[in-house]
Amino acid sequence: MLRLALVLKRNLPRLAGLAMIPLIRGLFWLARLLGAERASRVGGWVVRTIGPFLPAHRIATANLRAAFPERDEAAIRALAREAWDNLGRTGAEYAHLHTLFDLDPAHLSAGGRITVAGETHFADLRDDGKPGLIFSAHLANWELPAICAAQFGLDATAIFRPPNDAASARLVQEVRRQTMGGLAAAGQGAVFAMQGVVERGGHLGQLIDQHFTRGVVVEFFGKPVLVNPLLGKLARHYECPVHGARVIRRDGTRFHLELTPPLDLPRDAAGAIDVQGAMQAMTRVIEGWIRENPGQWLWMHRRWRPAMLPKPKAQPKPAPVPGPAAPAGAPEDRATVMTGNGPATVS
């Protein structure tokens, strides 16, 4: 019996994940049955209703208060509800990613769900014969930039972090493979694969707005955070352009995508791109995006973790300054010395 209990304990997470697969696929099937607009609306309503009762809601409201100390509690609660709504919509929209992006790059003026600004930058990246880097954030439906890049013929690989839930991760990956270009899972050893993409002249996209324990310190909403330095390191090593890509949810399932011009990144005294400064520049752009549409960001993530910031190095103590030498014949200070019979005071 004890052995059975141990086996169950070790395998319970995997068994629970397997049990979730039919449930997740059932919800996915239902979302497809509802259609993109209705599924998005229902998903937003469900998560907007349930979200405030979840532990992550406390994280969201605490983050919002820290980022917007000038806003009152009613405004904070409203932004949190909007963020839950966006998360629910984005989850439901996974079932429709293959049709949600309905823009034809050859007919940009045609009416549809998607509008794009900065399309000439996509063409520049595609045709310049050089590698390129694209950073983005968890705003609106954050999956759309990778689909947009593929539609514009850009040889791009998206770096992704798989969901913690195995059932969701498997389904999300299936959808991504159908709609996007290359995919690279973040994790041990992934850096070499990403370097290979850039060395071949490809393009790499990464969401950089979440905590990274081994990251560099940058300022975000006036407070220090840790950010993954990968894009800054690649930009320094390969001297390739860095663009930002964002999504704005206009109304329901209508979106506006924007690709920025290449950033003018700070450089060190030797003329090389400064990694920390580059990541700060990218983070500053993302903060501006979030301030424009705060209800469309993923506030449920613990972005600020002061306990995990690197400790400042202790400064070495200055060497004592020797005093002036006593003149010859001057009496010495009284001192206690050890003698064979114990301590004695001498003068």
Protein backbone atom coordinates (compact mmCIF):
# COMPACT_ATOMS: atom_id res chain seq x y z
CA MET A 1 0.00 0.00 0.00
CA LEU A 2 2.84 2.38 0.87
CA ARG A 3 4.55 1.64 -2.44
CA LEU A 4 1.29 2.36 -4.29
CA ALA A 5 0.95 5.66 -2.44
CA LEU A 6 4.50 6.65 -3.41
CA VAL A 7 3.92 5.76 -7.06
CA LEU A 8 0.70 7.79 -7.11
CA LYS A 9 2.38 10.75 -5.45
CA ARG A 10 5.21 10.76 -7.99
CA ASN A 11 2.94 10.43 -11.00
CA LEU A 12 -0.09 12.43 -9.86
CA PRO A 13 0.89 15.66 -11.69
CA ARG A 14 1.36 13.75 -14.95
CA LEU A 15 -1.89 11.83 -14.48
CA ALA A 16 -3.73 15.06 -13.70
CA GLY A 17 -2.27 16.59 -16.86
CA LEU A 18 -3.43 13.63 -18.94
CA ALA A 19 -6.90 13.90 -17.42
CA MET A 20 -7.03 17.58 -18.43
CA ILE A 21 -6.34 16.86 -22.10
CA PRO A 22 -9.93 15.88 -23.04
CA LEU A 23 -11.31 18.82 -21.03
CA ILE A 24 -9.02 21.34 -22.74
CA ARG A 25 -9.76 19.85 -26.16
CA GLY A 26 -13.48 19.97 -25.38
CA LEU A 27 -13.28 23.68 -24.55
CA PHE A 28 -11.22 24.22 -27.69
CA TRP A 29 -13.87 22.45 -29.78
CA LEU A 30 -16.62 24.55 -28.15
CA ALA A 31 -14.73 27.77 -28.87
CA ARG A 32 -14.43 26.81 -32.53
CA LEU A 33 -18.11 25.98 -32.64
CA LEU A 34 -19.01 29.43 -31.28
CA GLY A 35 -16.99 31.31 -33.89
CA ALA A 36 -14.22 33.82 -33.27
CA GLU A 37 -16.26 36.82 -32.13
CA ARG A 38 -18.64 34.94 -29.84
CA ALA A 39 -15.92 32.70 -28.40
CA SER A 40 -13.79 35.75 -27.60
CA ARG A 41 -16.72 37.50 -25.93
CA VAL A 42 -17.71 34.43 -23.87
CA GLY A 43 -14.10 33.74 -22.87
CA GLY A 44 -13.69 37.32 -21.72
CA TRP A 45 -16.90 37.22 -19.70
CA VAL A 46 -16.04 33.92 -17.98
CA VAL A 47 -12.52 34.92 -16.96
CA ARG A 48 -13.57 38.46 -16.06
CA THR A 49 -16.17 36.97 -13.71
CA ILE A 50 -13.97 34.28 -12.13
CA GLY A 51 -10.63 36.11 -12.13
CA PRO A 52 -11.25 38.46 -9.17
CA PHE A 53 -11.76 35.41 -6.92
CA LEU A 54 -8.43 33.82 -7.84
CA PRO A 55 -5.17 34.33 -5.89
CA ALA A 56 -3.59 35.92 -8.98
CA HIS A 57 -6.05 38.81 -8.63
CA ARG A 58 -4.15 40.03 -5.57
CA ILE A 59 -0.96 40.04 -7.63
CA ALA A 60 -2.69 41.98 -10.42
CA THR A 61 -4.10 44.68 -8.15
CA ALA A 62 -0.82 45.01 -6.22
CA ASN A 63 1.07 45.43 -9.50
CA LEU A 64 -1.42 48.02 -10.72
CA ARG A 65 -1.16 50.03 -7.49
CA ALA A 66 2.63 49.99 -7.74
CA ALA A 67 2.59 51.05 -11.40
CA PHE A 68 -0.15 53.68 -11.05
CA PRO A 69 0.01 55.08 -7.49
CA GLU A 70 -1.97 58.13 -8.62
CA ARG A 71 -5.09 56.06 -9.47
CA ASP A 72 -7.84 55.35 -6.96
CA GLU A 73 -9.11 51.90 -5.99
CA ALA A 74 -12.07 52.04 -8.36
CA ALA A 75 -9.73 52.65 -11.30
CA ILE A 76 -7.40 49.85 -10.16
CA ARG A 77 -10.28 47.37 -9.93
CA ALA A 78 -11.56 48.42 -13.36
CA LEU A 79 -8.14 47.89 -14.94
CA ALA A 80 -7.81 44.49 -13.28
CA ARG A 81 -11.21 43.42 -14.66
CA GLU A 82 -10.18 44.64 -18.11
CA ALA A 83 -6.96 42.62 -17.87
CA TRP A 84 -8.91 39.48 -16.90
CA ASP A 85 -11.26 40.10 -19.83
CA ASN A 86 -8.34 40.38 -22.24
CA LEU A 87 -6.79 37.18 -20.88
CA GLY A 88 -10.05 35.27 -21.30
CA ARG A 89 -10.50 36.57 -24.83
CA THR A 90 -6.93 35.65 -25.77
CA GLY A 91 -7.39 32.12 -24.42
CA ALA A 92 -10.59 31.60 -26.40
CA GLU A 93 -9.01 33.06 -29.54
CA TYR A 94 -6.42 30.27 -29.69
CA ALA A 95 -9.12 28.18 -31.34
CA HIS A 96 -9.28 30.72 -34.17
CA LEU A 97 -5.67 31.81 -34.68
CA HIS A 98 -5.67 30.16 -38.10
CA THR A 99 -8.43 32.54 -39.27
CA LEU A 100 -8.14 35.47 -36.84
CA PHE A 101 -5.31 37.08 -38.82
CA ASP A 102 -7.25 37.87 -41.99
CA LEU A 103 -4.95 40.51 -43.48
CA ASP A 104 -3.48 39.86 -46.92
CA PRO A 105 -0.12 41.69 -47.18
CA ALA A 106 -0.82 42.20 -50.89
CA HIS A 107 -4.07 44.07 -50.10
CA LEU A 108 -3.39 46.10 -46.96
CA SER A 109 -6.29 48.47 -47.58
CA ALA A 110 -8.89 45.70 -47.56
CA GLY A 111 -11.18 45.89 -44.55
CA GLY A 112 -10.87 43.15 -41.94
CA ARG A 113 -10.04 42.42 -38.33
CA ILE A 114 -6.37 43.36 -38.64
CA THR A 115 -4.57 46.59 -39.48
CA VAL A 116 -0.79 46.94 -39.58
CA ALA A 117 1.53 49.93 -39.16
CA GLY A 118 5.21 49.71 -40.05
CA GLU A 119 4.74 47.14 -42.80
CA THR A 120 7.74 48.63 -44.63
CA HIS A 121 9.92 47.51 -41.70
CA PHE A 122 8.73 43.93 -42.26
CA ALA A 123 9.83 44.26 -45.88
CA ASP A 124 13.19 45.73 -44.84
CA LEU A 125 13.83 42.87 -42.43
CA ARG A 126 12.83 40.32 -45.04
CA ASP A 127 14.93 41.74 -47.88
CA ASP A 128 18.06 43.20 -46.28
CA GLY A 129 19.90 39.86 -46.16
CA LYS A 130 20.81 40.36 -42.50
CA PRO A 131 19.59 38.80 -39.26
CA GLY A 132 17.18 40.79 -37.10
CA LEU A 133 15.65 40.76 -33.63
CA ILE A 134 12.10 41.59 -32.56
CA PHE A 135 10.92 42.11 -28.98
CA SER A 136 7.32 42.15 -27.83
CA ALA A 137 5.14 41.95 -24.72
CA HIS A 138 2.05 40.15 -23.39
CA LEU A 139 -0.34 42.79 -24.73
CA ALA A 140 -3.78 42.16 -26.29
CA ASN A 141 -3.45 38.90 -28.27
CA TRP A 142 0.33 38.55 -28.10
CA GLU A 143 0.38 35.59 -30.53
CA LEU A 144 -0.47 37.76 -33.53
CA PRO A 145 2.96 39.34 -34.26
CA ALA A 146 4.48 35.92 -35.01
CA ILE A 147 1.59 35.14 -37.38
CA CYS A 148 1.97 38.56 -38.99
CA ALA A 149 5.69 37.97 -39.58
CA ALA A 150 4.96 34.64 -41.27
CA GLN A 151 2.27 36.25 -43.46
CA PHE A 152 4.75 38.92 -44.59
CA GLY A 153 7.21 36.20 -45.61
CA LEU A 154 9.68 36.89 -42.83
CA ASP A 155 11.94 33.99 -41.88
CA ALA A 156 11.30 34.33 -38.15
CA THR A 157 11.56 32.06 -35.13
CA ALA A 158 9.48 32.83 -32.05
CA ILE A 159 10.92 32.02 -28.64
CA PHE A 160 8.16 30.76 -26.38
CA ARG A 161 7.73 29.56 -22.82
CA PRO A 162 5.39 26.52 -22.72
CA PRO A 163 2.38 26.81 -20.37
CA ASN A 164 2.83 25.04 -17.05
CA ASP A 165 -0.19 22.83 -17.72
CA ALA A 166 0.84 19.95 -20.01
CA ALA A 167 -2.55 19.70 -21.72
CA SER A 168 -2.64 23.40 -22.55
CA ALA A 169 1.00 23.35 -23.67
CA ARG A 170 0.38 20.51 -26.13
CA LEU A 171 -2.66 22.16 -27.67
CA VAL A 172 -1.07 25.61 -27.86
CA GLN A 173 1.92 24.13 -29.65
CA GLU A 174 -0.31 22.43 -32.20
CA VAL A 175 -2.01 25.75 -32.97
CA ARG A 176 1.27 27.66 -33.17
CA ARG A 177 2.79 25.19 -35.61
CA GLN A 178 -0.19 25.66 -37.94
CA THR A 179 0.00 29.45 -38.03
CA MET A 180 3.56 30.62 -37.29
CA GLY A 181 7.08 30.23 -38.61
CA GLY A 182 9.80 28.59 -36.55
CA LEU A 183 9.39 27.93 -32.84
CA ALA A 184 12.05 27.63 -30.13
CA ALA A 185 11.19 26.65 -26.57
CA ALA A 186 12.94 28.68 -23.89
CA GLY A 187 15.06 26.58 -21.55
CA GLN A 188 18.44 24.98 -21.03
CA GLY A 189 20.35 24.62 -24.28
CA ALA A 190 17.91 26.77 -26.25
CA VAL A 191 20.43 29.61 -26.54
CA PHE A 192 22.53 27.59 -29.00
CA ALA A 193 19.51 26.99 -31.23
CA MET A 194 18.68 30.70 -31.13
CA GLN A 195 22.26 31.64 -32.02
CA GLY A 196 22.01 29.27 -34.96
CA VAL A 197 18.92 31.12 -36.22
CA VAL A 198 20.73 34.46 -36.16
CA GLU A 199 23.95 33.07 -37.67
CA ARG A 200 21.93 31.76 -40.62
CA GLY A 201 20.59 35.27 -41.22
CA GLY A 202 17.18 34.53 -39.70
CA HIS A 203 15.04 36.61 -37.37
CA LEU A 204 14.28 35.97 -33.73
CA GLY A 205 11.27 37.24 -31.77
CA GLN A 206 10.88 37.16 -27.99
CA LEU A 207 8.45 38.37 -25.33
CA ILE A 208 10.68 40.16 -22.81
CA ASP A 209 8.20 41.55 -20.27
CA GLN A 210 8.38 38.75 -17.67
CA HIS A 211 10.71 38.03 -14.77
CA PHE A 212 13.97 36.25 -15.58
CA THR A 213 15.95 35.11 -12.55
CA ARG A 214 19.37 35.23 -14.23
CA GLY A 215 18.63 38.50 -15.97
CA VAL A 216 20.05 42.00 -15.93
CA VAL A 217 18.53 44.77 -13.83
CA VAL A 218 16.47 47.42 -15.62
CA GLU A 219 13.94 49.98 -14.45
CA PHE A 220 10.26 49.28 -15.15
CA PHE A 221 7.60 51.72 -13.94
CA GLY A 222 10.24 53.30 -11.72
CA LYS A 223 11.22 50.06 -9.97
CA PRO A 224 14.07 47.59 -10.64
CA VAL A 225 13.23 44.28 -12.34
CA LEU A 226 15.17 41.43 -13.93
CA VAL A 227 14.89 40.95 -17.70
CA ASN A 228 16.25 38.26 -20.01
CA PRO A 229 19.36 39.76 -21.67
CA LEU A 230 19.38 37.40 -24.68
CA LEU A 231 18.31 39.93 -27.32
CA GLY A 232 20.80 42.49 -26.04
CA LYS A 233 23.62 39.94 -26.16
CA LEU A 234 22.70 38.83 -29.68
CA ALA A 235 22.43 42.44 -30.86
CA ARG A 236 25.89 43.15 -29.43
CA HIS A 237 27.50 40.05 -30.94
CA TYR A 238 25.92 40.19 -34.40
CA GLU A 239 25.33 43.97 -34.75
CA CYS A 240 21.82 43.32 -36.06
CA PRO A 241 18.78 45.65 -35.95
CA VAL A 242 16.29 45.39 -33.08
CA HIS A 243 12.60 46.24 -33.63
CA GLY A 244 9.61 46.23 -31.29
CA ALA A 245 6.26 44.63 -32.19
CA ARG A 246 3.03 45.27 -30.34
CA VAL A 247 -0.68 44.51 -30.61
CA ILE A 248 -3.60 46.74 -29.61
CA ARG A 249 -7.06 45.27 -29.17
CA ARG A 250 -9.39 47.75 -30.84
CA ASP A 251 -12.77 46.17 -30.24
CA GLY A 252 -13.55 42.51 -29.63
CA THR A 253 -11.55 40.60 -32.22
CA ARG A 254 -10.28 43.62 -34.14
CA PHE A 255 -6.57 44.38 -33.70
CA HIS A 256 -3.92 46.86 -34.72
CA LEU A 257 -0.32 45.63 -35.08
CA GLU A 258 2.73 47.86 -35.13
CA LEU A 259 6.37 47.18 -35.95
CA THR A 260 8.66 49.98 -34.80
CA PRO A 261 11.71 51.28 -36.67
CA PRO A 262 15.01 49.81 -35.47
CA LEU A 263 15.99 51.11 -32.05
CA ASP A 264 19.08 53.26 -31.62
CA LEU A 265 20.68 51.24 -28.83
CA PRO A 266 23.26 52.67 -26.39
CA ARG A 267 26.89 51.68 -26.80
CA ASP A 268 29.84 51.38 -24.47
CA ALA A 269 33.17 53.24 -24.65
CA ALA A 270 34.50 50.70 -27.17
CA GLY A 271 31.54 51.27 -29.51
CA ALA A 272 29.83 47.92 -28.87
CA ILE A 273 26.14 47.70 -27.97
CA ASP A 274 25.73 47.87 -24.19
CA VAL A 275 23.64 44.85 -23.15
CA GLN A 276 22.10 46.35 -20.01
CA GLY A 277 21.45 49.65 -21.78
CA ALA A 278 19.88 47.83 -24.74
CA MET A 279 17.51 45.89 -22.49
CA GLN A 280 16.63 49.11 -20.66
CA ALA A 281 15.78 50.77 -23.99
CA MET A 282 13.51 47.86 -24.99
CA THR A 283 11.86 47.81 -21.56
CA ARG A 284 11.21 51.56 -21.78
CA VAL A 285 9.38 51.05 -25.07
CA ILE A 286 7.25 48.30 -23.52
CA GLU A 287 6.39 50.49 -20.53
CA GLY A 288 5.15 53.17 -22.92
CA TRP A 289 2.95 50.62 -24.69
CA ILE A 290 1.47 49.45 -21.40
CA ARG A 291 0.77 53.00 -20.24
CA GLU A 292 -1.22 53.55 -23.44
CA ASN A 293 -3.40 50.45 -22.90
CA PRO A 294 -2.92 49.27 -19.30
CA GLY A 295 -5.97 47.02 -19.32
CA GLN A 296 -4.48 44.87 -22.08
CA TRP A 297 -1.34 43.73 -20.24
CA LEU A 298 -0.82 40.55 -18.18
CA TRP A 299 -0.82 42.09 -14.69
CA MET A 300 -1.25 38.68 -12.99
CA HIS A 301 2.46 37.93 -13.44
CA ARG A 302 4.83 38.73 -10.53
CA ARG A 303 7.01 41.09 -12.52
CA TRP A 304 8.53 42.90 -9.55
CA ARG A 305 10.50 40.59 -7.23
CA PRO A 306 12.78 42.74 -5.08
CA ALA A 307 13.98 39.77 -3.01
CA MET A 308 15.55 38.24 -6.15
CA LEU A 309 17.50 41.31 -7.21
CA PRO A 310 21.28 40.95 -6.93
CA LYS A 311 22.65 42.20 -3.65
CA PRO A 312 24.94 45.23 -3.89
CA LYS A 313 28.58 44.33 -3.43
CA ALA A 314 30.09 45.41 -0.12
CA GLN A 315 32.52 48.28 -0.50
CA PRO A 316 36.04 47.54 0.83
CA LYS A 317 36.89 49.39 4.02
CA PRO A 318 39.50 52.12 3.56
CA ALA A 319 42.92 51.41 5.06
CA PRO A 320 43.54 53.21 8.38
CA VAL A 321 45.53 56.41 8.08
CA PRO A 322 48.68 56.21 10.25
CA GLY A 323 49.01 58.93 12.89
CA PRO A 324 52.03 61.21 13.30
CA ALA A 325 55.14 59.64 14.85
CA ALA A 326 55.73 60.50 18.50
CA PRO A 327 58.70 62.82 19.06
CA ALA A 328 61.83 61.34 20.66
CA GLY A 329 61.65 61.27 24.42
CA ALA A 330 57.90 61.77 24.55
CA PRO A 331 55.97 59.62 27.05
CA GLU A 332 54.18 56.66 25.51
CA ASP A 333 50.44 56.05 25.91
CA ARG A 334 49.48 53.82 28.75
CA ALA A 335 48.72 50.30 27.54
CA THR A 336 47.79 46.94 28.96
CA VAL A 337 50.21 44.10 28.18
CA MET A 338 50.36 40.45 29.10
CA THR A 339 53.15 39.47 31.49
CA GLY A 340 54.02 36.16 32.98
CA ASN A 341 52.00 37.10 36.05
CA GLY A 342 48.94 38.29 34.12
CA PRO A 343 47.90 41.67 32.68
CA ALA A 344 49.79 44.73 33.82
CA THR A 345 49.51 48.39 32.96
CA VAL A 346 52.64 50.14 31.86
CA SER A 347 53.37 53.74 30.99
